[in-house]
Amino acid sequence: MIPAVVVAVVLGLLAIAVVLSVVRVVRGPSAGDSAVAGDLIFFAFIGVVAVFGLMFSIDAVIDVILIAAVLGFLSILSLARLLQGVQR
């Protein structure tokens, strides 16, 4: 079991990271900045799921987190290739 203070601090830090990332998505000077900020938002969401999974002792959360992390990594790779264009 995780103490409630730790959960509150972690969720607060993740919320700050999401807010700053949303600002970067809106104000990002390039598509790459917005893509990286969107990726950070996605992984912050995975962090929130992990915290709730640990808080409620749900065993299947680890599998969900692993699959989501792999999908997020592959999506950012494909987005980087798309932003790069035809060049290799």
N, C-alpha and C. Protein backbone atom coordinates (compact mmCIF):
# COMPACT_ATOMS: atom_id res chain seq x y z
N MET A 1 0.83 -1.18 0.00
CA MET A 1 0.00 0.00 0.00
C MET A 1 0.88 1.25 0.00
N ILE A 2 0.49 2.20 -0.76
CA ILE A 2 1.22 3.46 -0.84
C ILE A 2 0.56 4.47 0.09
N PRO A 3 1.36 5.22 0.86
CA PRO A 3 0.76 6.25 1.72
C PRO A 3 0.05 7.32 0.89
N ALA A 4 -0.98 7.89 1.45
CA ALA A 4 -1.79 8.88 0.73
C ALA A 4 -1.00 10.13 0.38
N VAL A 5 -0.03 10.47 1.20
CA VAL A 5 0.79 11.66 0.92
C VAL A 5 1.61 11.45 -0.34
N VAL A 6 2.18 10.27 -0.48
CA VAL A 6 2.99 9.96 -1.67
C VAL A 6 2.12 10.00 -2.92
N VAL A 7 0.93 9.44 -2.84
CA VAL A 7 0.01 9.45 -3.98
C VAL A 7 -0.34 10.88 -4.36
N ALA A 8 -0.61 11.71 -3.37
CA ALA A 8 -0.98 13.10 -3.65
C ALA A 8 0.17 13.86 -4.29
N VAL A 9 1.39 13.65 -3.82
CA VAL A 9 2.55 14.34 -4.39
C VAL A 9 2.81 13.89 -5.81
N VAL A 10 2.76 12.59 -6.04
CA VAL A 10 3.02 12.06 -7.39
C VAL A 10 1.95 12.52 -8.37
N LEU A 11 0.69 12.46 -7.98
CA LEU A 11 -0.38 12.91 -8.87
C LEU A 11 -0.30 14.41 -9.11
N GLY A 12 0.11 15.17 -8.11
CA GLY A 12 0.30 16.61 -8.29
C GLY A 12 1.42 16.92 -9.28
N LEU A 13 2.53 16.22 -9.16
CA LEU A 13 3.64 16.43 -10.10
C LEU A 13 3.26 16.02 -11.51
N LEU A 14 2.52 14.91 -11.64
CA LEU A 14 2.08 14.50 -12.97
C LEU A 14 1.09 15.52 -13.55
N ALA A 15 0.25 16.10 -12.71
CA ALA A 15 -0.69 17.12 -13.19
C ALA A 15 0.06 18.37 -13.67
N ILE A 16 1.10 18.76 -12.95
CA ILE A 16 1.92 19.91 -13.38
C ILE A 16 2.59 19.61 -14.71
N ALA A 17 3.09 18.39 -14.87
CA ALA A 17 3.73 18.01 -16.13
C ALA A 17 2.74 18.06 -17.29
N VAL A 18 1.51 17.61 -17.05
CA VAL A 18 0.49 17.64 -18.11
C VAL A 18 0.12 19.07 -18.47
N VAL A 19 -0.02 19.93 -17.47
CA VAL A 19 -0.37 21.33 -17.75
C VAL A 19 0.73 22.00 -18.57
N LEU A 20 1.98 21.80 -18.18
CA LEU A 20 3.08 22.39 -18.94
C LEU A 20 3.17 21.81 -20.35
N SER A 21 2.85 20.54 -20.49
CA SER A 21 2.86 19.91 -21.81
C SER A 21 1.74 20.45 -22.70
N VAL A 22 0.58 20.69 -22.13
CA VAL A 22 -0.52 21.26 -22.91
C VAL A 22 -0.14 22.66 -23.39
N VAL A 23 0.53 23.42 -22.54
CA VAL A 23 1.02 24.75 -22.96
C VAL A 23 1.98 24.60 -24.13
N ARG A 24 2.86 23.60 -24.07
CA ARG A 24 3.83 23.40 -25.16
C ARG A 24 3.13 22.94 -26.44
N VAL A 25 2.08 22.14 -26.32
CA VAL A 25 1.33 21.71 -27.51
C VAL A 25 0.68 22.91 -28.18
N VAL A 26 0.12 23.81 -27.37
CA VAL A 26 -0.57 24.98 -27.92
C VAL A 26 0.42 25.98 -28.50
N ARG A 27 1.50 26.26 -27.77
CA ARG A 27 2.44 27.30 -28.19
C ARG A 27 3.64 26.77 -28.97
N GLY A 28 3.74 25.47 -29.16
CA GLY A 28 4.92 24.89 -29.79
C GLY A 28 5.23 25.50 -31.14
N PRO A 29 6.46 25.96 -31.33
CA PRO A 29 6.79 26.59 -32.61
C PRO A 29 6.85 25.61 -33.79
N SER A 30 7.06 24.35 -33.50
CA SER A 30 7.14 23.38 -34.59
C SER A 30 6.29 22.16 -34.26
N ALA A 31 6.08 21.34 -35.27
CA ALA A 31 5.30 20.12 -35.07
C ALA A 31 6.04 19.14 -34.18
N GLY A 32 7.36 19.17 -34.21
CA GLY A 32 8.15 18.27 -33.36
C GLY A 32 7.96 18.57 -31.88
N ASP A 33 7.91 19.86 -31.53
CA ASP A 33 7.68 20.23 -30.13
C ASP A 33 6.32 19.75 -29.66
N SER A 34 5.33 19.93 -30.50
CA SER A 34 3.99 19.47 -30.13
C SER A 34 3.92 17.95 -30.01
N ALA A 35 4.65 17.25 -30.86
CA ALA A 35 4.66 15.79 -30.81
C ALA A 35 5.30 15.28 -29.52
N VAL A 36 6.40 15.89 -29.14
CA VAL A 36 7.08 15.47 -27.91
C VAL A 36 6.22 15.79 -26.69
N ALA A 37 5.56 16.93 -26.70
CA ALA A 37 4.67 17.28 -25.59
C ALA A 37 3.48 16.33 -25.52
N GLY A 38 2.94 15.95 -26.66
CA GLY A 38 1.86 14.97 -26.68
C GLY A 38 2.31 13.62 -26.15
N ASP A 39 3.53 13.25 -26.46
CA ASP A 39 4.08 12.00 -25.94
C ASP A 39 4.24 12.07 -24.42
N LEU A 40 4.66 13.22 -23.92
CA LEU A 40 4.79 13.39 -22.48
C LEU A 40 3.43 13.29 -21.79
N ILE A 41 2.41 13.84 -22.41
CA ILE A 41 1.06 13.74 -21.85
C ILE A 41 0.63 12.27 -21.79
N PHE A 42 0.92 11.53 -22.85
CA PHE A 42 0.57 10.11 -22.89
C PHE A 42 1.27 9.34 -21.77
N PHE A 43 2.57 9.57 -21.60
CA PHE A 43 3.30 8.83 -20.57
C PHE A 43 2.96 9.31 -19.16
N ALA A 44 2.52 10.56 -19.01
CA ALA A 44 2.02 11.01 -17.71
C ALA A 44 0.73 10.27 -17.38
N PHE A 45 -0.11 10.06 -18.39
CA PHE A 45 -1.33 9.28 -18.18
C PHE A 45 -0.99 7.85 -17.76
N ILE A 46 0.03 7.27 -18.37
CA ILE A 46 0.47 5.93 -17.97
C ILE A 46 0.94 5.96 -16.51
N GLY A 47 1.61 7.03 -16.11
CA GLY A 47 2.04 7.16 -14.72
C GLY A 47 0.86 7.22 -13.76
N VAL A 48 -0.19 7.93 -14.15
CA VAL A 48 -1.40 8.00 -13.32
C VAL A 48 -2.03 6.62 -13.19
N VAL A 49 -2.08 5.89 -14.29
CA VAL A 49 -2.64 4.53 -14.24
C VAL A 49 -1.79 3.64 -13.32
N ALA A 50 -0.47 3.81 -13.38
CA ALA A 50 0.41 3.01 -12.52
C ALA A 50 0.19 3.34 -11.05
N VAL A 51 0.04 4.61 -10.74
CA VAL A 51 -0.18 5.00 -9.34
C VAL A 51 -1.50 4.43 -8.82
N PHE A 52 -2.56 4.54 -9.63
CA PHE A 52 -3.84 3.98 -9.19
C PHE A 52 -3.78 2.46 -9.10
N GLY A 53 -3.04 1.83 -9.99
CA GLY A 53 -2.89 0.38 -9.92
C GLY A 53 -2.17 -0.05 -8.66
N LEU A 54 -1.14 0.70 -8.26
CA LEU A 54 -0.45 0.38 -7.02
C LEU A 54 -1.30 0.71 -5.80
N MET A 55 -2.07 1.78 -5.90
CA MET A 55 -2.90 2.19 -4.77
C MET A 55 -4.00 1.17 -4.48
N PHE A 56 -4.59 0.61 -5.54
CA PHE A 56 -5.68 -0.33 -5.36
C PHE A 56 -5.24 -1.79 -5.49
N SER A 57 -3.93 -2.05 -5.63
CA SER A 57 -3.35 -3.40 -5.72
C SER A 57 -3.98 -4.22 -6.83
N ILE A 58 -3.99 -3.66 -8.03
CA ILE A 58 -4.52 -4.37 -9.20
C ILE A 58 -3.33 -4.97 -9.96
N ASP A 59 -3.34 -6.29 -10.14
CA ASP A 59 -2.21 -6.97 -10.75
C ASP A 59 -2.14 -6.77 -12.26
N ALA A 60 -3.26 -6.61 -12.92
CA ALA A 60 -3.28 -6.52 -14.38
C ALA A 60 -2.78 -5.17 -14.89
N VAL A 61 -2.55 -4.22 -14.01
CA VAL A 61 -2.12 -2.89 -14.43
C VAL A 61 -0.73 -2.93 -15.08
N ILE A 62 0.13 -3.80 -14.60
CA ILE A 62 1.48 -3.88 -15.16
C ILE A 62 1.43 -4.29 -16.63
N ASP A 63 0.58 -5.24 -16.97
CA ASP A 63 0.43 -5.66 -18.36
C ASP A 63 -0.09 -4.52 -19.23
N VAL A 64 -1.07 -3.81 -18.72
CA VAL A 64 -1.64 -2.68 -19.47
C VAL A 64 -0.59 -1.59 -19.67
N ILE A 65 0.20 -1.32 -18.65
CA ILE A 65 1.24 -0.28 -18.74
C ILE A 65 2.31 -0.68 -19.75
N LEU A 66 2.72 -1.94 -19.74
CA LEU A 66 3.74 -2.39 -20.69
C LEU A 66 3.26 -2.28 -22.13
N ILE A 67 2.04 -2.70 -22.37
CA ILE A 67 1.49 -2.62 -23.74
C ILE A 67 1.35 -1.17 -24.18
N ALA A 68 0.85 -0.31 -23.28
CA ALA A 68 0.68 1.10 -23.62
C ALA A 68 2.03 1.78 -23.86
N ALA A 69 3.04 1.42 -23.08
CA ALA A 69 4.36 2.02 -23.26
C ALA A 69 4.96 1.63 -24.61
N VAL A 70 4.82 0.37 -25.00
CA VAL A 70 5.33 -0.06 -26.30
C VAL A 70 4.58 0.64 -27.43
N LEU A 71 3.26 0.74 -27.31
CA LEU A 71 2.48 1.43 -28.34
C LEU A 71 2.83 2.91 -28.42
N GLY A 72 3.05 3.54 -27.27
CA GLY A 72 3.45 4.94 -27.26
C GLY A 72 4.81 5.15 -27.89
N PHE A 73 5.74 4.26 -27.61
CA PHE A 73 7.07 4.35 -28.20
C PHE A 73 7.01 4.17 -29.71
N LEU A 74 6.25 3.20 -30.17
CA LEU A 74 6.12 2.98 -31.61
C LEU A 74 5.41 4.13 -32.30
N SER A 75 4.44 4.73 -31.64
CA SER A 75 3.74 5.85 -32.26
C SER A 75 4.63 7.07 -32.39
N ILE A 76 5.49 7.32 -31.40
CA ILE A 76 6.38 8.48 -31.52
C ILE A 76 7.45 8.22 -32.57
N LEU A 77 7.86 6.97 -32.74
CA LEU A 77 8.81 6.66 -33.81
C LEU A 77 8.19 6.89 -35.19
N SER A 78 6.96 6.46 -35.36
CA SER A 78 6.30 6.65 -36.66
C SER A 78 6.01 8.12 -36.90
N LEU A 79 5.69 8.87 -35.86
CA LEU A 79 5.47 10.31 -36.02
C LEU A 79 6.75 11.03 -36.37
N ALA A 80 7.87 10.62 -35.77
CA ALA A 80 9.16 11.22 -36.11
C ALA A 80 9.53 10.94 -37.56
N ARG A 81 9.24 9.74 -38.01
CA ARG A 81 9.52 9.40 -39.42
C ARG A 81 8.63 10.22 -40.35
N LEU A 82 7.37 10.42 -39.96
CA LEU A 82 6.46 11.22 -40.76
C LEU A 82 6.91 12.68 -40.82
N LEU A 83 7.35 13.23 -39.68
CA LEU A 83 7.81 14.62 -39.65
C LEU A 83 9.12 14.79 -40.41
N GLN A 84 9.92 13.75 -40.47
CA GLN A 84 11.19 13.82 -41.18
C GLN A 84 10.97 13.89 -42.69
N GLY A 85 9.89 13.33 -43.15
CA GLY A 85 9.62 13.34 -44.59
C GLY A 85 10.25 12.15 -45.27
N VAL A 86 10.62 12.34 -46.52
CA VAL A 86 11.16 11.25 -47.32
C VAL A 86 12.63 11.01 -47.01
N GLN A 87 13.29 11.97 -46.37
CA GLN A 87 14.73 11.83 -46.08
C GLN A 87 14.94 10.72 -45.07
N ARG A 88 16.10 10.08 -45.18
CA ARG A 88 16.45 9.03 -44.22
C ARG A 88 17.74 9.35 -43.56
